[in-house]
Amino acid sequence: SFAFELFTDSSLTHHADYTAHQYDRD
């Protein structure tokens, strides 16, 4: 969450989960 967060509302108050994987420099 220091790098990315996902929300379900434009007020950015309701969180949603995601996956984050790094491949080389992406």
PDB file of all heavy atoms in Angstrom:
ATOM      1  N   SER A   1       0.813  -1.220   0.000  1.00  0.00           N
ATOM      2  CA  SER A   1       0.000   0.000   0.000  1.00  0.00           C
ATOM      3  C   SER A   1       0.844   1.266   0.000  1.00  0.00           C
ATOM      4  O   SER A   1       0.322   2.349  -0.263  1.00  0.00           O
ATOM      5  CB  SER A   1      -0.949   0.006   1.201  1.00  0.00           C
ATOM      6  OG  SER A   1      -0.231  -0.033   2.418  1.00  0.00           O
ATOM      7  N   PHE A   2       2.128   1.146   0.291  1.00  0.00           N
ATOM      8  CA  PHE A   2       3.010   2.314   0.202  1.00  0.00           C
ATOM      9  C   PHE A   2       3.207   2.733  -1.247  1.00  0.00           C
ATOM     10  O   PHE A   2       3.599   3.858  -1.530  1.00  0.00           O
ATOM     11  CB  PHE A   2       4.368   2.000   0.839  1.00  0.00           C
ATOM     12  CG  PHE A   2       5.127   0.906   0.133  1.00  0.00           C
ATOM     13  CD1 PHE A   2       5.996   1.184  -0.906  1.00  0.00           C
ATOM     14  CD2 PHE A   2       4.946  -0.415   0.506  1.00  0.00           C
ATOM     15  CE1 PHE A   2       6.685   0.175  -1.558  1.00  0.00           C
ATOM     16  CE2 PHE A   2       5.623  -1.441  -0.137  1.00  0.00           C
ATOM     17  CZ  PHE A   2       6.487  -1.148  -1.179  1.00  0.00           C
ATOM     18  N   ALA A   3       2.942   1.799  -2.166  1.00  0.00           N
ATOM     19  CA  ALA A   3       3.151   2.073  -3.585  1.00  0.00           C
ATOM     20  C   ALA A   3       1.850   2.196  -4.357  1.00  0.00           C
ATOM     21  O   ALA A   3       1.724   3.033  -5.249  1.00  0.00           O
ATOM     22  CB  ALA A   3       4.006   0.969  -4.204  1.00  0.00           C
ATOM     23  N   PHE A   4       0.851   1.348  -4.001  1.00  0.00           N
ATOM     24  CA  PHE A   4      -0.423   1.335  -4.712  1.00  0.00           C
ATOM     25  C   PHE A   4      -1.554   1.069  -3.718  1.00  0.00           C
ATOM     26  O   PHE A   4      -1.371   0.351  -2.734  1.00  0.00           O
ATOM     27  CB  PHE A   4      -0.453   0.241  -5.789  1.00  0.00           C
ATOM     28  CG  PHE A   4       0.604   0.376  -6.837  1.00  0.00           C
ATOM     29  CD1 PHE A   4       1.804  -0.310  -6.719  1.00  0.00           C
ATOM     30  CD2 PHE A   4       0.401   1.186  -7.948  1.00  0.00           C
ATOM     31  CE1 PHE A   4       2.790  -0.187  -7.686  1.00  0.00           C
ATOM     32  CE2 PHE A   4       1.379   1.316  -8.911  1.00  0.00           C
ATOM     33  CZ  PHE A   4       2.577   0.637  -8.781  1.00  0.00           C
ATOM     34  N   GLU A   5      -2.701   1.634  -4.005  1.00  0.00           N
ATOM     35  CA  GLU A   5      -3.924   1.283  -3.291  1.00  0.00           C
ATOM     36  C   GLU A   5      -5.060   1.255  -4.300  1.00  0.00           C
ATOM     37  O   GLU A   5      -5.020   1.945  -5.330  1.00  0.00           O
ATOM     38  CB  GLU A   5      -4.246   2.279  -2.177  1.00  0.00           C
ATOM     39  CG  GLU A   5      -3.391   2.132  -0.941  1.00  0.00           C
ATOM     40  CD  GLU A   5      -3.914   2.978   0.226  1.00  0.00           C
ATOM     41  OE1 GLU A   5      -3.732   4.210   0.160  1.00  0.00           O
ATOM     42  OE2 GLU A   5      -4.482   2.415   1.161  1.00  0.00           O
ATOM     43  N   LEU A   6      -6.085   0.454  -3.991  1.00  0.00           N
ATOM     44  CA  LEU A   6      -7.233   0.333  -4.871  1.00  0.00           C
ATOM     45  C   LEU A   6      -8.493   0.625  -4.067  1.00  0.00           C
ATOM     46  O   LEU A   6      -8.635   0.153  -2.935  1.00  0.00           O
ATOM     47  CB  LEU A   6      -7.309  -1.080  -5.465  1.00  0.00           C
ATOM     48  CG  LEU A   6      -8.383  -1.312  -6.522  1.00  0.00           C
ATOM     49  CD1 LEU A   6      -8.055  -0.540  -7.799  1.00  0.00           C
ATOM     50  CD2 LEU A   6      -8.526  -2.808  -6.823  1.00  0.00           C
ATOM     51  N   PHE A   7      -9.413   1.410  -4.673  1.00  0.00           N
ATOM     52  CA  PHE A   7     -10.634   1.799  -3.982  1.00  0.00           C
ATOM     53  C   PHE A   7     -11.845   1.562  -4.886  1.00  0.00           C
ATOM     54  O   PHE A   7     -11.722   1.482  -6.107  1.00  0.00           O
ATOM     55  CB  PHE A   7     -10.575   3.277  -3.580  1.00  0.00           C
ATOM     56  CG  PHE A   7      -9.462   3.603  -2.627  1.00  0.00           C
ATOM     57  CD1 PHE A   7      -8.209   3.987  -3.100  1.00  0.00           C
ATOM     58  CD2 PHE A   7      -9.654   3.525  -1.261  1.00  0.00           C
ATOM     59  CE1 PHE A   7      -7.183   4.284  -2.228  1.00  0.00           C
ATOM     60  CE2 PHE A   7      -8.627   3.818  -0.371  1.00  0.00           C
ATOM     61  CZ  PHE A   7      -7.388   4.200  -0.858  1.00  0.00           C
ATOM     62  N   THR A   8     -13.007   1.496  -4.255  1.00  0.00           N
ATOM     63  CA  THR A   8     -14.253   1.330  -5.009  1.00  0.00           C
ATOM     64  C   THR A   8     -15.042   2.618  -5.116  1.00  0.00           C
ATOM     65  O   THR A   8     -16.107   2.628  -5.739  1.00  0.00           O
ATOM     66  CB  THR A   8     -15.145   0.261  -4.345  1.00  0.00           C
ATOM     67  OG1 THR A   8     -15.543   0.712  -3.038  1.00  0.00           O
ATOM     68  CG2 THR A   8     -14.413  -1.067  -4.219  1.00  0.00           C
ATOM     69  N   ASP A   9     -14.565   3.697  -4.510  1.00  0.00           N
ATOM     70  CA  ASP A   9     -15.280   4.969  -4.558  1.00  0.00           C
ATOM     71  C   ASP A   9     -14.324   6.099  -4.880  1.00  0.00           C
ATOM     72  O   ASP A   9     -13.136   6.039  -4.568  1.00  0.00           O
ATOM     73  CB  ASP A   9     -15.998   5.243  -3.229  1.00  0.00           C
ATOM     74  CG  ASP A   9     -15.020   5.424  -2.079  1.00  0.00           C
ATOM     75  OD1 ASP A   9     -13.997   4.714  -2.044  1.00  0.00           O
ATOM     76  OD2 ASP A   9     -15.271   6.284  -1.209  1.00  0.00           O
ATOM     77  N   SER A  10     -14.863   7.146  -5.505  1.00  0.00           N
ATOM     78  CA  SER A  10     -14.012   8.259  -5.929  1.00  0.00           C
ATOM     79  C   SER A  10     -13.516   9.092  -4.758  1.00  0.00           C
ATOM     80  O   SER A  10     -12.593   9.890  -4.918  1.00  0.00           O
ATOM     81  CB  SER A  10     -14.779   9.155  -6.912  1.00  0.00           C
ATOM     82  OG  SER A  10     -15.935   9.702  -6.307  1.00  0.00           O
ATOM     83  N   SER A  11     -14.117   8.919  -3.582  1.00  0.00           N
ATOM     84  CA  SER A  11     -13.605   9.609  -2.393  1.00  0.00           C
ATOM     85  C   SER A  11     -12.403   8.891  -1.801  1.00  0.00           C
ATOM     86  O   SER A  11     -11.785   9.387  -0.857  1.00  0.00           O
ATOM     87  CB  SER A  11     -14.708   9.721  -1.337  1.00  0.00           C
ATOM     88  OG  SER A  11     -15.761  10.528  -1.795  1.00  0.00           O
ATOM     89  N   LEU A  12     -12.099   7.716  -2.338  1.00  0.00           N
ATOM     90  CA  LEU A  12     -10.932   6.935  -1.920  1.00  0.00           C
ATOM     91  C   LEU A  12     -11.003   6.583  -0.442  1.00  0.00           C
ATOM     92  O   LEU A  12     -10.043   6.733   0.314  1.00  0.00           O
ATOM     93  CB  LEU A  12      -9.628   7.686  -2.245  1.00  0.00           C
ATOM     94  CG  LEU A  12      -9.494   8.216  -3.676  1.00  0.00           C
ATOM     95  CD1 LEU A  12      -8.151   8.907  -3.858  1.00  0.00           C
ATOM     96  CD2 LEU A  12      -9.671   7.113  -4.705  1.00  0.00           C
ATOM     97  N   THR A  13     -12.157   6.063  -0.038  1.00  0.00           N
ATOM     98  CA  THR A  13     -12.352   5.668   1.361  1.00  0.00           C
ATOM     99  C   THR A  13     -12.671   4.188   1.509  1.00  0.00           C
ATOM    100  O   THR A  13     -12.531   3.646   2.601  1.00  0.00           O
ATOM    101  CB  THR A  13     -13.489   6.484   2.003  1.00  0.00           C
ATOM    102  OG1 THR A  13     -14.699   6.291   1.254  1.00  0.00           O
ATOM    103  CG2 THR A  13     -13.148   7.961   2.045  1.00  0.00           C
ATOM    104  N   HIS A  14     -13.111   3.507   0.442  1.00  0.00           N
ATOM    105  CA  HIS A  14     -13.477   2.094   0.506  1.00  0.00           C
ATOM    106  C   HIS A  14     -12.474   1.268  -0.291  1.00  0.00           C
ATOM    107  O   HIS A  14     -12.415   1.348  -1.515  1.00  0.00           O
ATOM    108  CB  HIS A  14     -14.896   1.882  -0.030  1.00  0.00           C
ATOM    109  CG  HIS A  14     -15.947   2.319   0.938  1.00  0.00           C
ATOM    110  ND1 HIS A  14     -17.232   1.830   0.908  1.00  0.00           N
ATOM    111  CD2 HIS A  14     -15.904   3.180   1.973  1.00  0.00           C
ATOM    112  CE1 HIS A  14     -17.938   2.379   1.888  1.00  0.00           C
ATOM    113  NE2 HIS A  14     -17.145   3.217   2.532  1.00  0.00           N
ATOM    114  N   HIS A  15     -11.701   0.480   0.414  1.00  0.00           N
ATOM    115  CA  HIS A  15     -10.606  -0.263  -0.202  1.00  0.00           C
ATOM    116  C   HIS A  15     -11.092  -1.482  -0.976  1.00  0.00           C
ATOM    117  O   HIS A  15     -12.153  -2.046  -0.700  1.00  0.00           O
ATOM    118  CB  HIS A  15      -9.629  -0.751   0.871  1.00  0.00           C
ATOM    119  CG  HIS A  15      -8.827   0.338   1.497  1.00  0.00           C
ATOM    120  ND1 HIS A  15      -9.322   1.151   2.506  1.00  0.00           N
ATOM    121  CD2 HIS A  15      -7.546   0.756   1.263  1.00  0.00           C
ATOM    122  CE1 HIS A  15      -8.385   2.017   2.872  1.00  0.00           C
ATOM    123  NE2 HIS A  15      -7.307   1.799   2.135  1.00  0.00           N
ATOM    124  N   ALA A  16     -10.277  -1.895  -1.942  1.00  0.00           N
ATOM    125  CA  ALA A  16     -10.442  -3.169  -2.635  1.00  0.00           C
ATOM    126  C   ALA A  16      -9.061  -3.808  -2.742  1.00  0.00           C
ATOM    127  O   ALA A  16      -8.037  -3.128  -2.666  1.00  0.00           O
ATOM    128  CB  ALA A  16     -11.059  -2.969  -4.011  1.00  0.00           C
ATOM    129  N   ASP A  17      -9.040  -5.128  -2.905  1.00  0.00           N
ATOM    130  CA  ASP A  17      -7.754  -5.819  -2.972  1.00  0.00           C
ATOM    131  C   ASP A  17      -7.286  -5.983  -4.413  1.00  0.00           C
ATOM    132  O   ASP A  17      -8.076  -5.947  -5.347  1.00  0.00           O
ATOM    133  CB  ASP A  17      -7.823  -7.178  -2.267  1.00  0.00           C
ATOM    134  CG  ASP A  17      -9.008  -8.011  -2.727  1.00  0.00           C
ATOM    135  OD1 ASP A  17     -10.118  -7.461  -2.745  1.00  0.00           O
ATOM    136  OD2 ASP A  17      -8.843  -9.193  -3.066  1.00  0.00           O
ATOM    137  N   TYR A  18      -5.999  -6.166  -4.564  1.00  0.00           N
ATOM    138  CA  TYR A  18      -5.372  -6.335  -5.865  1.00  0.00           C
ATOM    139  C   TYR A  18      -4.145  -7.214  -5.681  1.00  0.00           C
ATOM    140  O   TYR A  18      -3.739  -7.517  -4.548  1.00  0.00           O
ATOM    141  CB  TYR A  18      -4.961  -4.980  -6.455  1.00  0.00           C
ATOM    142  CG  TYR A  18      -3.933  -4.244  -5.611  1.00  0.00           C
ATOM    143  CD1 TYR A  18      -2.563  -4.411  -5.826  1.00  0.00           C
ATOM    144  CD2 TYR A  18      -4.332  -3.399  -4.584  1.00  0.00           C
ATOM    145  CE1 TYR A  18      -1.629  -3.766  -5.043  1.00  0.00           C
ATOM    146  CE2 TYR A  18      -3.405  -2.750  -3.795  1.00  0.00           C
ATOM    147  CZ  TYR A  18      -2.054  -2.934  -4.026  1.00  0.00           C
ATOM    148  OH  TYR A  18      -1.123  -2.300  -3.242  1.00  0.00           O
ATOM    149  N   THR A  19      -3.540  -7.633  -6.772  1.00  0.00           N
ATOM    150  CA  THR A  19      -2.265  -8.338  -6.714  1.00  0.00           C
ATOM    151  C   THR A  19      -1.196  -7.461  -7.343  1.00  0.00           C
ATOM    152  O   THR A  19      -1.464  -6.704  -8.277  1.00  0.00           O
ATOM    153  CB  THR A  19      -2.326  -9.677  -7.465  1.00  0.00           C
ATOM    154  OG1 THR A  19      -2.674  -9.436  -8.833  1.00  0.00           O
ATOM    155  CG2 THR A  19      -3.357 -10.598  -6.830  1.00  0.00           C
ATOM    156  N   ALA A  20       0.014  -7.558  -6.823  1.00  0.00           N
ATOM    157  CA  ALA A  20       1.143  -6.781  -7.349  1.00  0.00           C
ATOM    158  C   ALA A  20       2.334  -7.721  -7.526  1.00  0.00           C
ATOM    159  O   ALA A  20       2.764  -8.369  -6.566  1.00  0.00           O
ATOM    160  CB  ALA A  20       1.495  -5.635  -6.407  1.00  0.00           C
ATOM    161  N   HIS A  21       2.829  -7.807  -8.757  1.00  0.00           N
ATOM    162  CA  HIS A  21       3.995  -8.643  -9.056  1.00  0.00           C
ATOM    163  C   HIS A  21       4.987  -7.822  -9.869  1.00  0.00           C
ATOM    164  O   HIS A  21       4.595  -7.003 -10.692  1.00  0.00           O
ATOM    165  CB  HIS A  21       3.586  -9.884  -9.844  1.00  0.00           C
ATOM    166  CG  HIS A  21       2.590 -10.744  -9.137  1.00  0.00           C
ATOM    167  ND1 HIS A  21       2.908 -11.521  -8.047  1.00  0.00           N
ATOM    168  CD2 HIS A  21       1.257 -10.935  -9.363  1.00  0.00           C
ATOM    169  CE1 HIS A  21       1.829 -12.164  -7.633  1.00  0.00           C
ATOM    170  NE2 HIS A  21       0.816 -11.823  -8.409  1.00  0.00           N
ATOM    171  N   GLN A  22       6.245  -8.073  -9.621  1.00  0.00           N
ATOM    172  CA  GLN A  22       7.273  -7.357 -10.361  1.00  0.00           C
ATOM    173  C   GLN A  22       7.984  -8.297 -11.322  1.00  0.00           C
ATOM    174  O   GLN A  22       8.357  -9.414 -10.961  1.00  0.00           O
ATOM    175  CB  GLN A  22       8.296  -6.715  -9.417  1.00  0.00           C
ATOM    176  CG  GLN A  22       9.271  -5.788 -10.131  1.00  0.00           C
ATOM    177  CD  GLN A  22       9.917  -4.785  -9.192  1.00  0.00           C
ATOM    178  OE1 GLN A  22       9.944  -4.983  -7.988  1.00  0.00           O
ATOM    179  NE2 GLN A  22      10.417  -3.693  -9.735  1.00  0.00           N
ATOM    180  N   TYR A  23       8.108  -7.844 -12.565  1.00  0.00           N
ATOM    181  CA  TYR A  23       8.838  -8.570 -13.589  1.00  0.00           C
ATOM    182  C   TYR A  23       9.900  -7.627 -14.146  1.00  0.00           C
ATOM    183  O   TYR A  23       9.568  -6.626 -14.794  1.00  0.00           O
ATOM    184  CB  TYR A  23       7.902  -9.024 -14.708  1.00  0.00           C
ATOM    185  CG  TYR A  23       6.771  -9.889 -14.217  1.00  0.00           C
ATOM    186  CD1 TYR A  23       5.541  -9.318 -13.894  1.00  0.00           C
ATOM    187  CD2 TYR A  23       6.933 -11.265 -14.050  1.00  0.00           C
ATOM    188  CE1 TYR A  23       4.498 -10.099 -13.427  1.00  0.00           C
ATOM    189  CE2 TYR A  23       5.893 -12.056 -13.594  1.00  0.00           C
ATOM    190  CZ  TYR A  23       4.678 -11.476 -13.288  1.00  0.00           C
ATOM    191  OH  TYR A  23       3.647 -12.247 -12.822  1.00  0.00           O
ATOM    192  N   ASP A  24      11.149  -7.930 -13.841  1.00  0.00           N
ATOM    193  CA  ASP A  24      12.250  -7.057 -14.238  1.00  0.00           C
ATOM    194  C   ASP A  24      11.991  -5.648 -13.690  1.00  0.00           C
ATOM    195  O   ASP A  24      11.929  -5.463 -12.492  1.00  0.00           O
ATOM    196  CB  ASP A  24      12.412  -7.052 -15.758  1.00  0.00           C
ATOM    197  CG  ASP A  24      12.799  -8.430 -16.285  1.00  0.00           C
ATOM    198  OD1 ASP A  24      13.511  -9.141 -15.570  1.00  0.00           O
ATOM    199  OD2 ASP A  24      12.370  -8.783 -17.397  1.00  0.00           O
ATOM    200  N   ARG A  25      11.782  -4.685 -14.581  1.00  0.00           N
ATOM    201  CA  ARG A  25      11.578  -3.306 -14.126  1.00  0.00           C
ATOM    202  C   ARG A  25      10.139  -2.848 -14.299  1.00  0.00           C
ATOM    203  O   ARG A  25       9.871  -1.652 -14.447  1.00  0.00           O
ATOM    204  CB  ARG A  25      12.523  -2.374 -14.870  1.00  0.00           C
ATOM    205  CG  ARG A  25      13.984  -2.610 -14.524  1.00  0.00           C
ATOM    206  CD  ARG A  25      14.871  -1.541 -15.125  1.00  0.00           C
ATOM    207  NE  ARG A  25      16.252  -1.701 -14.692  1.00  0.00           N
ATOM    208  CZ  ARG A  25      17.241  -0.875 -15.020  1.00  0.00           C
ATOM    209  NH1 ARG A  25      16.979   0.170 -15.793  1.00  0.00           N
ATOM    210  NH2 ARG A  25      18.470  -1.086 -14.586  1.00  0.00           N
ATOM    211  N   ASP A  26       9.213  -3.795 -14.280  1.00  0.00           N
ATOM    212  CA  ASP A  26       7.786  -3.470 -14.359  1.00  0.00           C
ATOM    213  C   ASP A  26       7.058  -4.059 -13.167  1.00  0.00           C
ATOM    214  O   ASP A  26       7.329  -5.191 -12.755  1.00  0.00           O
ATOM    215  CB  ASP A  26       7.159  -4.047 -15.637  1.00  0.00           C
ATOM    216  CG  ASP A  26       7.672  -3.368 -16.896  1.00  0.00           C
ATOM    217  OD1 ASP A  26       8.067  -2.187 -16.787  1.00  0.00           O
ATOM    218  OD2 ASP A  26       7.674  -4.012 -17.952  1.00  0.00           O
TER     219      ASP A  26
END
